[in-house]
Amino acid sequence: MQAEDVSLSGRPAVSGRLFMRLSMKNPVPEPSHVSPAPDSPATGCGPDTLPANLTLEQLIDLTDEMEHLNELVLLHLEKEGGFTCTEAYFSVVQPVLDLLEAEIRFHYHAALSRDEMKAIICEWIDGEICRLQ
């Protein structure tokens, strides 16, 4: 396992693809549907409920918060004076994603709807942006 494959908390890190999408000014749009992780059946998942075992990247896509999260990441990078290499970028972005994941885990419950998840993510990002400005 490479260094960027593990988060600061010791859990597997968010995929490099999410980091790359966050680093783009206008991320490449992903397909409008989000499939659950390969090992998780999406049974019982209606249009208003969340499939089980989604990755952070899938949750961000599902809630259409990638652009909003990118705004927060760019603000963090600006406050840190930019970055000079991939490792420096990851050192700024990974803690942001870890905190967002912790926030989601704190508020998650089985009956959580997509709109409720979007509100959790959006409110957390807005709070972080306000804190940094």
N, C-alpha and C. Protein backbone atom coordinates (compact mmCIF):
# COMPACT_ATOMS: atom_id res chain seq x y z
N MET A 1 0.85 -1.18 0.00
CA MET A 1 0.00 0.00 0.00
C MET A 1 0.89 1.24 0.00
N GLN A 2 0.64 2.17 -0.91
CA GLN A 2 1.42 3.39 -0.99
C GLN A 2 0.95 4.38 0.06
N ALA A 3 1.78 5.38 0.34
CA ALA A 3 1.47 6.35 1.39
C ALA A 3 0.14 7.05 1.15
N GLU A 4 -0.18 7.40 -0.11
CA GLU A 4 -1.41 8.13 -0.34
C GLU A 4 -2.65 7.24 -0.31
N ASP A 5 -2.47 5.94 -0.11
CA ASP A 5 -3.61 5.02 -0.03
C ASP A 5 -4.18 4.92 1.38
N VAL A 6 -3.57 5.56 2.36
CA VAL A 6 -4.03 5.50 3.73
C VAL A 6 -4.24 6.92 4.24
N SER A 7 -5.38 7.15 4.88
CA SER A 7 -5.66 8.47 5.42
C SER A 7 -4.91 8.66 6.73
N LEU A 8 -4.96 9.86 7.25
CA LEU A 8 -4.28 10.17 8.51
C LEU A 8 -4.85 9.35 9.66
N SER A 9 -6.10 8.94 9.54
CA SER A 9 -6.73 8.17 10.60
C SER A 9 -6.40 6.69 10.49
N GLY A 10 -5.65 6.28 9.45
CA GLY A 10 -5.31 4.89 9.28
C GLY A 10 -6.30 4.13 8.42
N ARG A 11 -7.43 4.76 8.09
CA ARG A 11 -8.41 4.12 7.21
C ARG A 11 -7.95 4.29 5.76
N PRO A 12 -8.44 3.42 4.87
CA PRO A 12 -8.10 3.61 3.46
C PRO A 12 -8.50 5.02 3.03
N ALA A 13 -7.65 5.65 2.28
CA ALA A 13 -7.88 7.02 1.85
C ALA A 13 -8.85 7.05 0.68
N VAL A 14 -9.35 8.24 0.42
CA VAL A 14 -10.21 8.46 -0.72
C VAL A 14 -9.39 8.24 -1.98
N SER A 15 -10.01 7.74 -2.99
CA SER A 15 -9.28 7.41 -4.22
C SER A 15 -8.57 8.62 -4.79
N GLY A 16 -7.48 8.35 -5.48
CA GLY A 16 -6.73 9.41 -6.15
C GLY A 16 -7.58 10.13 -7.18
N ARG A 17 -8.59 9.43 -7.73
CA ARG A 17 -9.47 10.06 -8.71
C ARG A 17 -10.24 11.22 -8.09
N LEU A 18 -10.67 11.09 -6.83
CA LEU A 18 -11.36 12.19 -6.17
C LEU A 18 -10.41 13.36 -5.99
N PHE A 19 -9.17 13.07 -5.59
CA PHE A 19 -8.18 14.14 -5.45
C PHE A 19 -7.98 14.86 -6.77
N MET A 20 -7.88 14.09 -7.85
CA MET A 20 -7.68 14.70 -9.16
C MET A 20 -8.89 15.53 -9.56
N ARG A 21 -10.08 15.04 -9.27
CA ARG A 21 -11.28 15.80 -9.61
C ARG A 21 -11.36 17.07 -8.77
N LEU A 22 -10.91 17.01 -7.52
CA LEU A 22 -10.93 18.20 -6.68
C LEU A 22 -9.91 19.22 -7.15
N SER A 23 -8.82 18.76 -7.75
CA SER A 23 -7.77 19.68 -8.14
C SER A 23 -8.08 20.40 -9.44
N MET A 24 -9.08 19.94 -10.17
CA MET A 24 -9.47 20.58 -11.42
C MET A 24 -10.37 21.77 -11.12
N LYS A 25 -10.18 22.85 -11.84
CA LYS A 25 -11.03 24.02 -11.65
C LYS A 25 -12.49 23.68 -11.96
N ASN A 26 -12.72 22.99 -13.06
CA ASN A 26 -14.06 22.52 -13.43
C ASN A 26 -13.98 21.03 -13.62
N PRO A 27 -14.30 20.24 -12.58
CA PRO A 27 -14.16 18.80 -12.68
C PRO A 27 -14.94 18.22 -13.85
N VAL A 28 -14.40 17.16 -14.41
CA VAL A 28 -15.06 16.46 -15.50
C VAL A 28 -16.34 15.85 -14.95
N PRO A 29 -17.47 16.09 -15.59
CA PRO A 29 -18.71 15.53 -15.05
C PRO A 29 -18.70 14.01 -15.11
N GLU A 30 -19.21 13.41 -14.07
CA GLU A 30 -19.34 11.96 -13.99
C GLU A 30 -20.73 11.58 -14.43
N PRO A 31 -20.96 10.31 -14.71
CA PRO A 31 -22.32 9.89 -15.06
C PRO A 31 -23.30 10.26 -13.94
N SER A 32 -24.54 10.53 -14.32
CA SER A 32 -25.51 11.00 -13.34
C SER A 32 -25.97 9.91 -12.38
N HIS A 33 -25.72 8.66 -12.69
CA HIS A 33 -26.08 7.59 -11.76
C HIS A 33 -24.85 7.17 -10.98
N VAL A 34 -25.06 6.75 -9.76
CA VAL A 34 -23.96 6.29 -8.92
C VAL A 34 -24.25 4.86 -8.52
N SER A 35 -23.34 3.98 -8.83
CA SER A 35 -23.50 2.58 -8.47
C SER A 35 -22.90 2.34 -7.11
N PRO A 36 -23.46 1.42 -6.34
CA PRO A 36 -22.85 1.09 -5.06
C PRO A 36 -21.52 0.39 -5.28
N ALA A 37 -20.72 0.32 -4.24
CA ALA A 37 -19.45 -0.40 -4.31
C ALA A 37 -19.73 -1.82 -4.79
N PRO A 38 -18.77 -2.44 -5.52
CA PRO A 38 -19.01 -3.75 -6.10
C PRO A 38 -19.48 -4.82 -5.11
N ASP A 39 -19.06 -4.75 -3.86
CA ASP A 39 -19.42 -5.78 -2.90
C ASP A 39 -20.68 -5.46 -2.11
N SER A 40 -21.44 -4.44 -2.53
CA SER A 40 -22.62 -4.06 -1.76
C SER A 40 -23.86 -4.06 -2.63
N PRO A 41 -24.82 -4.87 -2.30
CA PRO A 41 -26.07 -4.86 -3.07
C PRO A 41 -26.85 -3.60 -2.76
N ALA A 42 -27.55 -3.10 -3.75
CA ALA A 42 -28.34 -1.89 -3.55
C ALA A 42 -29.80 -2.22 -3.33
N THR A 43 -30.07 -3.38 -2.78
CA THR A 43 -31.45 -3.78 -2.55
C THR A 43 -32.10 -2.86 -1.54
N GLY A 44 -33.37 -2.58 -1.76
CA GLY A 44 -34.10 -1.72 -0.84
C GLY A 44 -33.77 -0.26 -0.99
N CYS A 45 -33.10 0.09 -2.05
CA CYS A 45 -32.70 1.47 -2.26
C CYS A 45 -33.70 2.15 -3.19
N GLY A 46 -34.51 3.01 -2.64
CA GLY A 46 -35.48 3.73 -3.44
C GLY A 46 -34.89 5.02 -3.94
N PRO A 47 -35.65 5.81 -4.68
CA PRO A 47 -35.13 7.05 -5.25
C PRO A 47 -34.74 8.08 -4.18
N ASP A 48 -35.33 7.98 -2.98
CA ASP A 48 -35.04 8.96 -1.94
C ASP A 48 -34.09 8.46 -0.87
N THR A 49 -33.68 7.19 -0.94
CA THR A 49 -32.79 6.65 0.07
C THR A 49 -31.41 6.42 -0.51
N LEU A 50 -30.45 6.29 0.36
CA LEU A 50 -29.06 6.10 -0.07
C LEU A 50 -28.72 4.62 -0.12
N PRO A 51 -28.01 4.19 -1.17
CA PRO A 51 -27.52 2.81 -1.18
C PRO A 51 -26.52 2.62 -0.05
N ALA A 52 -26.33 1.40 0.38
CA ALA A 52 -25.37 1.10 1.44
C ALA A 52 -23.95 1.09 0.88
N ASN A 53 -22.99 1.31 1.74
CA ASN A 53 -21.56 1.15 1.43
C ASN A 53 -21.05 2.03 0.30
N LEU A 54 -21.46 3.27 0.27
CA LEU A 54 -20.94 4.19 -0.73
C LEU A 54 -19.60 4.74 -0.27
N THR A 55 -18.74 5.04 -1.21
CA THR A 55 -17.49 5.71 -0.88
C THR A 55 -17.77 7.19 -0.70
N LEU A 56 -16.82 7.90 -0.14
CA LEU A 56 -16.98 9.35 0.01
C LEU A 56 -17.15 9.99 -1.37
N GLU A 57 -16.39 9.54 -2.32
CA GLU A 57 -16.50 10.08 -3.68
C GLU A 57 -17.91 9.87 -4.24
N GLN A 58 -18.47 8.70 -4.04
CA GLN A 58 -19.81 8.42 -4.53
C GLN A 58 -20.85 9.30 -3.82
N LEU A 59 -20.68 9.51 -2.53
CA LEU A 59 -21.61 10.39 -1.80
C LEU A 59 -21.54 11.82 -2.31
N ILE A 60 -20.33 12.30 -2.57
CA ILE A 60 -20.16 13.66 -3.08
C ILE A 60 -20.82 13.77 -4.45
N ASP A 61 -20.63 12.77 -5.30
CA ASP A 61 -21.27 12.76 -6.62
C ASP A 61 -22.79 12.69 -6.49
N LEU A 62 -23.26 11.82 -5.65
CA LEU A 62 -24.69 11.58 -5.47
C LEU A 62 -25.42 12.84 -5.01
N THR A 63 -24.75 13.63 -4.21
CA THR A 63 -25.35 14.85 -3.65
C THR A 63 -25.01 16.10 -4.46
N ASP A 64 -24.28 15.93 -5.55
CA ASP A 64 -23.89 17.06 -6.41
C ASP A 64 -23.13 18.15 -5.65
N GLU A 65 -22.25 17.74 -4.74
CA GLU A 65 -21.50 18.70 -3.94
C GLU A 65 -20.02 18.78 -4.34
N MET A 66 -19.63 18.18 -5.47
CA MET A 66 -18.22 18.19 -5.87
C MET A 66 -17.71 19.61 -6.10
N GLU A 67 -18.46 20.42 -6.79
CA GLU A 67 -18.02 21.79 -7.06
C GLU A 67 -17.90 22.59 -5.76
N HIS A 68 -18.85 22.38 -4.86
CA HIS A 68 -18.85 23.05 -3.57
C HIS A 68 -17.63 22.62 -2.74
N LEU A 69 -17.36 21.32 -2.73
CA LEU A 69 -16.20 20.79 -2.01
C LEU A 69 -14.92 21.32 -2.64
N ASN A 70 -14.89 21.41 -3.96
CA ASN A 70 -13.72 21.95 -4.65
C ASN A 70 -13.44 23.39 -4.22
N GLU A 71 -14.50 24.17 -4.02
CA GLU A 71 -14.35 25.54 -3.53
C GLU A 71 -13.64 25.56 -2.18
N LEU A 72 -14.03 24.66 -1.29
CA LEU A 72 -13.39 24.55 0.03
C LEU A 72 -11.93 24.13 -0.10
N VAL A 73 -11.67 23.14 -0.94
CA VAL A 73 -10.30 22.67 -1.12
C VAL A 73 -9.42 23.78 -1.68
N LEU A 74 -9.90 24.52 -2.65
CA LEU A 74 -9.12 25.62 -3.22
C LEU A 74 -8.85 26.70 -2.18
N LEU A 75 -9.81 26.96 -1.31
CA LEU A 75 -9.62 27.94 -0.23
C LEU A 75 -8.54 27.45 0.74
N HIS A 76 -8.58 26.16 1.09
CA HIS A 76 -7.53 25.60 1.95
C HIS A 76 -6.16 25.73 1.30
N LEU A 77 -6.09 25.40 0.02
CA LEU A 77 -4.81 25.49 -0.70
C LEU A 77 -4.32 26.93 -0.74
N GLU A 78 -5.22 27.86 -0.96
CA GLU A 78 -4.85 29.28 -0.97
C GLU A 78 -4.31 29.71 0.38
N LYS A 79 -4.98 29.30 1.46
CA LYS A 79 -4.55 29.65 2.82
C LYS A 79 -3.18 29.05 3.15
N GLU A 80 -2.88 27.89 2.55
CA GLU A 80 -1.59 27.22 2.79
C GLU A 80 -0.50 27.74 1.85
N GLY A 81 -0.83 28.68 0.99
CA GLY A 81 0.17 29.23 0.08
C GLY A 81 0.38 28.40 -1.17
N GLY A 82 -0.61 27.57 -1.52
CA GLY A 82 -0.48 26.73 -2.70
C GLY A 82 0.21 25.43 -2.36
N PHE A 83 0.65 24.73 -3.39
CA PHE A 83 1.37 23.48 -3.18
C PHE A 83 2.40 23.32 -4.27
N THR A 84 3.47 22.65 -3.94
CA THR A 84 4.59 22.50 -4.87
C THR A 84 4.72 21.09 -5.44
N CYS A 85 4.06 20.13 -4.82
CA CYS A 85 4.15 18.75 -5.30
C CYS A 85 2.90 17.99 -4.88
N THR A 86 2.76 16.80 -5.41
CA THR A 86 1.60 15.97 -5.11
C THR A 86 1.46 15.71 -3.62
N GLU A 87 2.56 15.43 -2.95
CA GLU A 87 2.52 15.14 -1.52
C GLU A 87 2.01 16.34 -0.72
N ALA A 88 2.43 17.54 -1.12
CA ALA A 88 1.97 18.75 -0.45
C ALA A 88 0.47 18.95 -0.66
N TYR A 89 0.01 18.66 -1.85
CA TYR A 89 -1.42 18.76 -2.16
C TYR A 89 -2.21 17.79 -1.28
N PHE A 90 -1.76 16.52 -1.25
CA PHE A 90 -2.44 15.52 -0.44
C PHE A 90 -2.42 15.89 1.04
N SER A 91 -1.34 16.50 1.50
CA SER A 91 -1.25 16.85 2.92
C SER A 91 -2.26 17.94 3.30
N VAL A 92 -2.71 18.72 2.35
CA VAL A 92 -3.72 19.73 2.60
C VAL A 92 -5.13 19.15 2.42
N VAL A 93 -5.31 18.37 1.37
CA VAL A 93 -6.64 17.88 1.01
C VAL A 93 -7.10 16.72 1.89
N GLN A 94 -6.22 15.78 2.20
CA GLN A 94 -6.63 14.59 2.94
C GLN A 94 -7.28 14.92 4.29
N PRO A 95 -6.74 15.85 5.08
CA PRO A 95 -7.42 16.17 6.35
C PRO A 95 -8.82 16.75 6.15
N VAL A 96 -9.02 17.51 5.09
CA VAL A 96 -10.35 18.06 4.79
C VAL A 96 -11.32 16.92 4.53
N LEU A 97 -10.89 15.97 3.71
CA LEU A 97 -11.75 14.83 3.38
C LEU A 97 -11.99 13.94 4.60
N ASP A 98 -10.98 13.79 5.45
CA ASP A 98 -11.15 13.01 6.68
C ASP A 98 -12.19 13.65 7.60
N LEU A 99 -12.14 14.98 7.72
CA LEU A 99 -13.12 15.68 8.56
C LEU A 99 -14.52 15.57 7.99
N LEU A 100 -14.65 15.68 6.68
CA LEU A 100 -15.95 15.53 6.05
C LEU A 100 -16.49 14.12 6.27
N GLU A 101 -15.63 13.13 6.12
CA GLU A 101 -16.05 11.75 6.35
C GLU A 101 -16.52 11.56 7.80
N ALA A 102 -15.80 12.14 8.75
CA ALA A 102 -16.19 12.04 10.16
C ALA A 102 -17.55 12.68 10.39
N GLU A 103 -17.79 13.81 9.76
CA GLU A 103 -19.08 14.50 9.88
C GLU A 103 -20.21 13.63 9.33
N ILE A 104 -19.98 13.02 8.20
CA ILE A 104 -20.99 12.15 7.60
C ILE A 104 -21.26 10.95 8.50
N ARG A 105 -20.19 10.33 9.01
CA ARG A 105 -20.36 9.16 9.89
C ARG A 105 -21.14 9.54 11.16
N PHE A 106 -20.89 10.73 11.69
CA PHE A 106 -21.57 11.18 12.90
C PHE A 106 -23.08 11.32 12.68
N HIS A 107 -23.47 11.85 11.53
CA HIS A 107 -24.88 12.12 11.26
C HIS A 107 -25.61 10.99 10.56
N TYR A 108 -24.89 9.99 10.07
CA TYR A 108 -25.51 8.94 9.27
C TYR A 108 -26.46 8.08 10.10
N HIS A 109 -27.59 7.72 9.51
CA HIS A 109 -28.50 6.70 10.04
C HIS A 109 -29.13 6.00 8.84
N ALA A 110 -29.65 4.81 9.05
CA ALA A 110 -30.10 3.95 7.96
C ALA A 110 -31.19 4.58 7.10
N ALA A 111 -32.03 5.41 7.65
CA ALA A 111 -33.14 5.99 6.89
C ALA A 111 -32.80 7.35 6.27
N LEU A 112 -31.54 7.71 6.25
CA LEU A 112 -31.12 9.01 5.73
C LEU A 112 -31.42 9.12 4.24
N SER A 113 -32.05 10.20 3.84
CA SER A 113 -32.37 10.40 2.42
C SER A 113 -31.21 11.13 1.73
N ARG A 114 -31.25 11.14 0.42
CA ARG A 114 -30.23 11.86 -0.35
C ARG A 114 -30.26 13.35 -0.03
N ASP A 115 -31.45 13.91 0.10
CA ASP A 115 -31.57 15.33 0.42
C ASP A 115 -30.99 15.64 1.80
N GLU A 116 -31.22 14.75 2.76
CA GLU A 116 -30.65 14.94 4.10
C GLU A 116 -29.14 14.84 4.05
N MET A 117 -28.61 13.88 3.27
CA MET A 117 -27.16 13.75 3.13
C MET A 117 -26.58 14.99 2.46
N LYS A 118 -27.25 15.47 1.43
CA LYS A 118 -26.80 16.69 0.76
C LYS A 118 -26.74 17.85 1.74
N ALA A 119 -27.76 17.97 2.59
CA ALA A 119 -27.80 19.06 3.58
C ALA A 119 -26.64 18.93 4.57
N ILE A 120 -26.35 17.72 5.01
CA ILE A 120 -25.23 17.50 5.94
C ILE A 120 -23.92 17.94 5.31
N ILE A 121 -23.69 17.49 4.08
CA ILE A 121 -22.44 17.81 3.39
C ILE A 121 -22.36 19.30 3.09
N CYS A 122 -23.44 19.86 2.58
CA CYS A 122 -23.47 21.28 2.22
C CYS A 122 -23.24 22.17 3.44
N GLU A 123 -23.92 21.88 4.53
CA GLU A 123 -23.78 22.69 5.74
C GLU A 123 -22.37 22.59 6.30
N TRP A 124 -21.77 21.40 6.25
CA TRP A 124 -20.41 21.26 6.76
C TRP A 124 -19.44 22.06 5.90
N ILE A 125 -19.57 21.96 4.57
CA ILE A 125 -18.69 22.70 3.68
C ILE A 125 -18.86 24.20 3.90
N ASP A 126 -20.11 24.67 3.97
CA ASP A 126 -20.36 26.09 4.22
C ASP A 126 -19.72 26.56 5.52
N GLY A 127 -19.85 25.75 6.58
CA GLY A 127 -19.24 26.10 7.86
C GLY A 127 -17.73 26.20 7.78
N GLU A 128 -17.12 25.27 7.07
CA GLU A 128 -15.67 25.30 6.90
C GLU A 128 -15.23 26.50 6.08
N ILE A 129 -15.97 26.84 5.04
CA ILE A 129 -15.64 28.00 4.23
C ILE A 129 -15.73 29.27 5.08
N CYS A 130 -16.79 29.41 5.86
CA CYS A 130 -16.93 30.58 6.75
C CYS A 130 -15.79 30.66 7.74
N ARG A 131 -15.38 29.51 8.28
CA ARG A 131 -14.31 29.48 9.25
C ARG A 131 -12.98 29.95 8.64
N LEU A 132 -12.77 29.64 7.38
CA LEU A 132 -11.50 30.00 6.72
C LEU A 132 -11.46 31.42 6.19
N GLN A 133 -12.61 32.03 6.01
CA GLN A 133 -12.63 33.39 5.43
C GLN A 133 -12.48 34.46 6.47
